[in-house]
Amino acid sequence: YSPNVIVIVVSNPMDTMAYLVHKATGLPKNRVIGMGGALDSARFKYRLAEALDCPISDVDGMVIGAHSDTGMLPLTRLATRNGVPVSTFLSKEQLDSVEQETRVGGATLTKLLGTSAWYAPGAAVSELVRAIAQDSKKMFPCSLLLEGEYGLKDISFGVPAIIGKNGVEKIVE
């Protein structure tokens, strides 16, 4: 028995599984975290860095929405390279291509591997665990139960959140 457990959901369909884990366990909403957005954002930053021909450490970007090819929303207009909007460096066509490659990244990898991805999801989960263990208050997009945030109720959906020792410290609207 662990009364302060924090559950990180990795299984697909991510948003549905995060919702079901919350409902089945009755845990407070800050203690059930779906990691889909963290993985999608890592893929988005990788694709941006590739298009910019720069180190991924220079790039900041986030994906919100559902953890699916059709439901994710790469926040291209907010993405930056060292604080400068990526639209300064990339054409609309290049940005559209980055968005599309981000959307199909998981499916493409699964097709190439012949199995589901394992390394990138593991890396994304380790970043979430690090944020919790070190109480870093780092912002990640995660699939979380919404109860009025973004005008949505009783649904798990990918939104930005501050992650720390209590799990979800704050949903950022």
C-alpha atoms as a PDB file:
ATOM      1  CA  TYR A   1       0.000   0.000   0.000  1.00  0.00           C
ATOM      2  CA  SER A   2       1.397   3.345  -1.033  1.00  0.00           C
ATOM      3  CA  PRO A   3      -0.936   6.239  -0.208  1.00  0.00           C
ATOM      4  CA  ASN A   4       1.240   8.812  -1.992  1.00  0.00           C
ATOM      5  CA  VAL A   5       1.805   6.826  -5.181  1.00  0.00           C
ATOM      6  CA  ILE A   6       2.207   8.667  -8.470  1.00  0.00           C
ATOM      7  CA  VAL A   7       1.271   6.592 -11.519  1.00  0.00           C
ATOM      8  CA  ILE A   8       2.852   7.356 -14.888  1.00  0.00           C
ATOM      9  CA  VAL A   9       0.804   5.798 -17.669  1.00  0.00           C
ATOM     10  CA  VAL A  10       2.810   4.703 -20.710  1.00  0.00           C
ATOM     11  CA  SER A  11       0.401   2.332 -22.471  1.00  0.00           C
ATOM     12  CA  ASN A  12      -1.604   3.282 -25.549  1.00  0.00           C
ATOM     13  CA  PRO A  13      -4.198   4.504 -26.183  1.00  0.00           C
ATOM     14  CA  MET A  14      -2.556   7.026 -23.847  1.00  0.00           C
ATOM     15  CA  ASP A  15      -5.384   9.434 -23.097  1.00  0.00           C
ATOM     16  CA  THR A  16      -7.944   6.660 -22.632  1.00  0.00           C
ATOM     17  CA  MET A  17      -5.608   4.640 -20.403  1.00  0.00           C
ATOM     18  CA  ALA A  18      -4.752   7.674 -18.235  1.00  0.00           C
ATOM     19  CA  TYR A  19      -8.467   8.362 -17.820  1.00  0.00           C
ATOM     20  CA  LEU A  20      -9.238   4.735 -16.932  1.00  0.00           C
ATOM     21  CA  VAL A  21      -6.354   4.515 -14.436  1.00  0.00           C
ATOM     22  CA  HIS A  22      -7.650   7.629 -12.707  1.00  0.00           C
ATOM     23  CA  LYS A  23     -11.222   6.309 -12.571  1.00  0.00           C
ATOM     24  CA  ALA A  24     -10.210   2.767 -11.531  1.00  0.00           C
ATOM     25  CA  THR A  25      -7.868   3.865  -8.744  1.00  0.00           C
ATOM     26  CA  GLY A  26      -9.702   6.912  -7.447  1.00  0.00           C
ATOM     27  CA  LEU A  27      -6.353   8.649  -7.029  1.00  0.00           C
ATOM     28  CA  PRO A  28      -6.279  12.445  -6.904  1.00  0.00           C
ATOM     29  CA  LYS A  29      -5.877  13.866 -10.397  1.00  0.00           C
ATOM     30  CA  ASN A  30      -2.368  15.147  -9.671  1.00  0.00           C
ATOM     31  CA  ARG A  31      -1.147  11.569  -9.133  1.00  0.00           C
ATOM     32  CA  VAL A  32      -2.022  10.045 -12.530  1.00  0.00           C
ATOM     33  CA  ILE A  33       0.166  11.273 -15.390  1.00  0.00           C
ATOM     34  CA  GLY A  34       0.016  10.085 -18.996  1.00  0.00           C
ATOM     35  CA  MET A  35       3.402  10.640 -20.643  1.00  0.00           C
ATOM     36  CA  GLY A  36       2.266  10.972 -24.284  1.00  0.00           C
ATOM     37  CA  GLY A  37       2.886  14.690 -24.685  1.00  0.00           C
ATOM     38  CA  ALA A  38       6.411  14.418 -23.307  1.00  0.00           C
ATOM     39  CA  LEU A  39       7.232  11.825 -25.974  1.00  0.00           C
ATOM     40  CA  ASP A  40       5.531  13.763 -28.779  1.00  0.00           C
ATOM     41  CA  SER A  41       7.361  16.946 -27.732  1.00  0.00           C
ATOM     42  CA  ALA A  42      10.722  15.176 -27.801  1.00  0.00           C
ATOM     43  CA  ARG A  43       9.995  14.019 -31.352  1.00  0.00           C
ATOM     44  CA  PHE A  44       8.899  17.549 -32.309  1.00  0.00           C
ATOM     45  CA  LYS A  45      12.097  19.105 -30.931  1.00  0.00           C
ATOM     46  CA  TYR A  46      14.174  16.486 -32.739  1.00  0.00           C
ATOM     47  CA  ARG A  47      12.449  17.266 -36.058  1.00  0.00           C
ATOM     48  CA  LEU A  48      12.871  21.017 -35.513  1.00  0.00           C
ATOM     49  CA  ALA A  49      16.577  20.624 -34.719  1.00  0.00           C
ATOM     50  CA  GLU A  50      16.983  18.481 -37.826  1.00  0.00           C
ATOM     51  CA  ALA A  51      15.288  21.121 -40.016  1.00  0.00           C
ATOM     52  CA  LEU A  52      17.289  23.920 -38.376  1.00  0.00           C
ATOM     53  CA  ASP A  53      20.530  21.921 -38.597  1.00  0.00           C
ATOM     54  CA  CYS A  54      21.312  22.732 -34.976  1.00  0.00           C
ATOM     55  CA  PRO A  55      21.751  20.865 -31.681  1.00  0.00           C
ATOM     56  CA  ILE A  56      18.480  19.770 -30.093  1.00  0.00           C
ATOM     57  CA  SER A  57      19.590  21.602 -26.933  1.00  0.00           C
ATOM     58  CA  ASP A  58      19.071  24.875 -28.866  1.00  0.00           C
ATOM     59  CA  VAL A  59      15.401  24.066 -29.521  1.00  0.00           C
ATOM     60  CA  ASP A  60      12.352  24.495 -27.315  1.00  0.00           C
ATOM     61  CA  GLY A  61       8.940  23.282 -28.416  1.00  0.00           C
ATOM     62  CA  MET A  62       5.859  21.511 -27.146  1.00  0.00           C
ATOM     63  CA  VAL A  63       3.062  19.285 -28.410  1.00  0.00           C
ATOM     64  CA  ILE A  64      -0.333  19.323 -26.716  1.00  0.00           C
ATOM     65  CA  GLY A  65      -3.594  17.519 -27.431  1.00  0.00           C
ATOM     66  CA  ALA A  66      -4.292  13.836 -27.842  1.00  0.00           C
ATOM     67  CA  HIS A  67      -1.442  11.338 -28.142  1.00  0.00           C
ATOM     68  CA  SER A  68      -2.439  10.286 -31.667  1.00  0.00           C
ATOM     69  CA  ASP A  69      -1.525  11.101 -35.251  1.00  0.00           C
ATOM     70  CA  THR A  70      -4.681  13.146 -35.747  1.00  0.00           C
ATOM     71  CA  GLY A  71      -5.139  14.626 -32.270  1.00  0.00           C
ATOM     72  CA  MET A  72      -1.739  16.097 -31.467  1.00  0.00           C
ATOM     73  CA  LEU A  73      -1.050  19.786 -31.875  1.00  0.00           C
ATOM     74  CA  PRO A  74       2.611  20.780 -32.272  1.00  0.00           C
ATOM     75  CA  LEU A  75       2.841  24.386 -31.050  1.00  0.00           C
ATOM     76  CA  THR A  76       4.966  25.571 -33.949  1.00  0.00           C
ATOM     77  CA  ARG A  77       4.206  29.257 -33.440  1.00  0.00           C
ATOM     78  CA  LEU A  78       5.618  29.047 -29.890  1.00  0.00           C
ATOM     79  CA  ALA A  79       8.689  26.950 -30.769  1.00  0.00           C
ATOM     80  CA  THR A  80      12.058  28.679 -30.479  1.00  0.00           C
ATOM     81  CA  ARG A  81      15.750  28.281 -31.184  1.00  0.00           C
ATOM     82  CA  ASN A  82      17.607  29.920 -28.307  1.00  0.00           C
ATOM     83  CA  GLY A  83      14.595  32.152 -27.674  1.00  0.00           C
ATOM     84  CA  VAL A  84      14.096  33.199 -31.306  1.00  0.00           C
ATOM     85  CA  PRO A  85      10.917  31.934 -33.043  1.00  0.00           C
ATOM     86  CA  VAL A  86      11.704  29.051 -35.407  1.00  0.00           C
ATOM     87  CA  SER A  87       9.601  30.801 -38.053  1.00  0.00           C
ATOM     88  CA  THR A  88      12.530  33.235 -38.366  1.00  0.00           C
ATOM     89  CA  PHE A  89      14.660  30.390 -39.738  1.00  0.00           C
ATOM     90  CA  LEU A  90      12.193  28.029 -41.423  1.00  0.00           C
ATOM     91  CA  SER A  91       9.641  28.550 -44.184  1.00  0.00           C
ATOM     92  CA  LYS A  92       5.973  27.690 -43.750  1.00  0.00           C
ATOM     93  CA  GLU A  93       6.541  24.624 -45.930  1.00  0.00           C
ATOM     94  CA  GLN A  94       9.420  23.463 -43.715  1.00  0.00           C
ATOM     95  CA  LEU A  95       7.334  24.015 -40.570  1.00  0.00           C
ATOM     96  CA  ASP A  96       4.408  22.121 -42.107  1.00  0.00           C
ATOM     97  CA  SER A  97       6.780  19.245 -42.891  1.00  0.00           C
ATOM     98  CA  VAL A  98       8.117  19.221 -39.312  1.00  0.00           C
ATOM     99  CA  GLU A  99       4.547  19.104 -37.988  1.00  0.00           C
ATOM    100  CA  GLN A 100       3.620  16.226 -40.299  1.00  0.00           C
ATOM    101  CA  GLU A 101       6.761  14.239 -39.459  1.00  0.00           C
ATOM    102  CA  THR A 102       6.025  14.769 -35.759  1.00  0.00           C
ATOM    103  CA  ARG A 103       2.451  13.525 -36.149  1.00  0.00           C
ATOM    104  CA  VAL A 104       3.454  10.288 -37.890  1.00  0.00           C
ATOM    105  CA  GLY A 105       6.728   9.764 -35.999  1.00  0.00           C
ATOM    106  CA  GLY A 106       5.436   7.066 -33.673  1.00  0.00           C
ATOM    107  CA  ALA A 107       3.637   5.128 -36.404  1.00  0.00           C
ATOM    108  CA  THR A 108       6.639   5.397 -38.726  1.00  0.00           C
ATOM    109  CA  LEU A 109       8.984   4.071 -36.053  1.00  0.00           C
ATOM    110  CA  THR A 110       6.626   1.215 -35.188  1.00  0.00           C
ATOM    111  CA  LYS A 111       6.449   0.239 -38.863  1.00  0.00           C
ATOM    112  CA  LEU A 112      10.238   0.323 -39.246  1.00  0.00           C
ATOM    113  CA  LEU A 113      10.888  -1.618 -36.037  1.00  0.00           C
ATOM    114  CA  GLY A 114       8.103  -4.116 -36.557  1.00  0.00           C
ATOM    115  CA  THR A 115       7.157  -3.493 -32.922  1.00  0.00           C
ATOM    116  CA  SER A 116       6.196  -0.532 -30.790  1.00  0.00           C
ATOM    117  CA  ALA A 117       8.801   2.021 -29.777  1.00  0.00           C
ATOM    118  CA  TRP A 118      10.617   1.373 -26.511  1.00  0.00           C
ATOM    119  CA  TYR A 119      13.656   3.643 -26.236  1.00  0.00           C
ATOM    120  CA  ALA A 120      11.984   7.052 -26.657  1.00  0.00           C
ATOM    121  CA  PRO A 121       9.060   6.233 -24.334  1.00  0.00           C
ATOM    122  CA  GLY A 122      11.564   5.007 -21.734  1.00  0.00           C
ATOM    123  CA  ALA A 123      13.537   8.239 -22.035  1.00  0.00           C
ATOM    124  CA  ALA A 124      10.351  10.327 -21.709  1.00  0.00           C
ATOM    125  CA  VAL A 125       9.273   8.433 -18.595  1.00  0.00           C
ATOM    126  CA  SER A 126      12.730   8.829 -17.055  1.00  0.00           C
ATOM    127  CA  GLU A 127      12.462  12.614 -17.500  1.00  0.00           C
ATOM    128  CA  LEU A 128       9.094  12.620 -15.719  1.00  0.00           C
ATOM    129  CA  VAL A 129      10.477  10.452 -12.901  1.00  0.00           C
ATOM    130  CA  ARG A 130      13.486  12.766 -12.572  1.00  0.00           C
ATOM    131  CA  ALA A 131      11.204  15.814 -12.305  1.00  0.00           C
ATOM    132  CA  ILE A 132       9.200  14.116  -9.550  1.00  0.00           C
ATOM    133  CA  ALA A 133      12.209  12.740  -7.637  1.00  0.00           C
ATOM    134  CA  GLN A 134      14.137  16.017  -7.808  1.00  0.00           C
ATOM    135  CA  ASP A 135      11.046  18.207  -7.356  1.00  0.00           C
ATOM    136  CA  SER A 136      12.288  20.236 -10.317  1.00  0.00           C
ATOM    137  CA  LYS A 137       8.935  21.844 -11.144  1.00  0.00           C
ATOM    138  CA  LYS A 138       9.713  21.317 -14.827  1.00  0.00           C
ATOM    139  CA  MET A 139       6.957  21.834 -17.388  1.00  0.00           C
ATOM    140  CA  PHE A 140       5.907  18.867 -19.523  1.00  0.00           C
ATOM    141  CA  PRO A 141       2.873  18.260 -21.703  1.00  0.00           C
ATOM    142  CA  CYS A 142       1.079  15.294 -20.132  1.00  0.00           C
ATOM    143  CA  SER A 143      -2.223  13.513 -20.518  1.00  0.00           C
ATOM    144  CA  LEU A 144      -4.126  14.647 -17.430  1.00  0.00           C
ATOM    145  CA  LEU A 145      -7.665  14.493 -16.131  1.00  0.00           C
ATOM    146  CA  LEU A 146      -9.265  17.862 -16.802  1.00  0.00           C
ATOM    147  CA  GLU A 147     -12.009  19.190 -14.551  1.00  0.00           C
ATOM    148  CA  GLY A 148     -12.797  22.534 -16.129  1.00  0.00           C
ATOM    149  CA  GLU A 149      -9.333  23.461 -17.374  1.00  0.00           C
ATOM    150  CA  TYR A 150      -9.398  24.516 -21.027  1.00  0.00           C
ATOM    151  CA  GLY A 151     -13.196  24.333 -20.781  1.00  0.00           C
ATOM    152  CA  LEU A 152     -13.050  20.510 -20.692  1.00  0.00           C
ATOM    153  CA  LYS A 153     -14.442  18.188 -18.025  1.00  0.00           C
ATOM    154  CA  ASP A 154     -14.083  14.482 -17.275  1.00  0.00           C
ATOM    155  CA  ILE A 155     -11.534  13.799 -20.004  1.00  0.00           C
ATOM    156  CA  SER A 156      -7.806  13.061 -20.046  1.00  0.00           C
ATOM    157  CA  PHE A 157      -6.011  15.204 -22.585  1.00  0.00           C
ATOM    158  CA  GLY A 158      -2.476  16.414 -23.292  1.00  0.00           C
ATOM    159  CA  VAL A 159      -1.852  19.797 -21.666  1.00  0.00           C
ATOM    160  CA  PRO A 160       1.190  21.589 -20.219  1.00  0.00           C
ATOM    161  CA  ALA A 161       1.774  20.927 -16.527  1.00  0.00           C
ATOM    162  CA  ILE A 162       4.368  21.666 -13.881  1.00  0.00           C
ATOM    163  CA  ILE A 163       5.693  18.343 -12.537  1.00  0.00           C
ATOM    164  CA  GLY A 164       7.265  18.037  -9.089  1.00  0.00           C
ATOM    165  CA  LYS A 165       7.326  15.912  -5.947  1.00  0.00           C
ATOM    166  CA  ASN A 166       3.514  15.795  -5.767  1.00  0.00           C
ATOM    167  CA  GLY A 167       3.132  14.738  -9.384  1.00  0.00           C
ATOM    168  CA  VAL A 168       1.180  17.438 -11.182  1.00  0.00           C
ATOM    169  CA  GLU A 169       1.856  20.633  -9.263  1.00  0.00           C
ATOM    170  CA  LYS A 170      -0.136  22.818 -11.665  1.00  0.00           C
ATOM    171  CA  ILE A 171      -1.899  22.592 -15.014  1.00  0.00           C
ATOM    172  CA  VAL A 172      -0.785  25.536 -17.141  1.00  0.00           C
ATOM    173  CA  GLU A 173      -3.585  27.178 -19.135  1.00  0.00           C
END
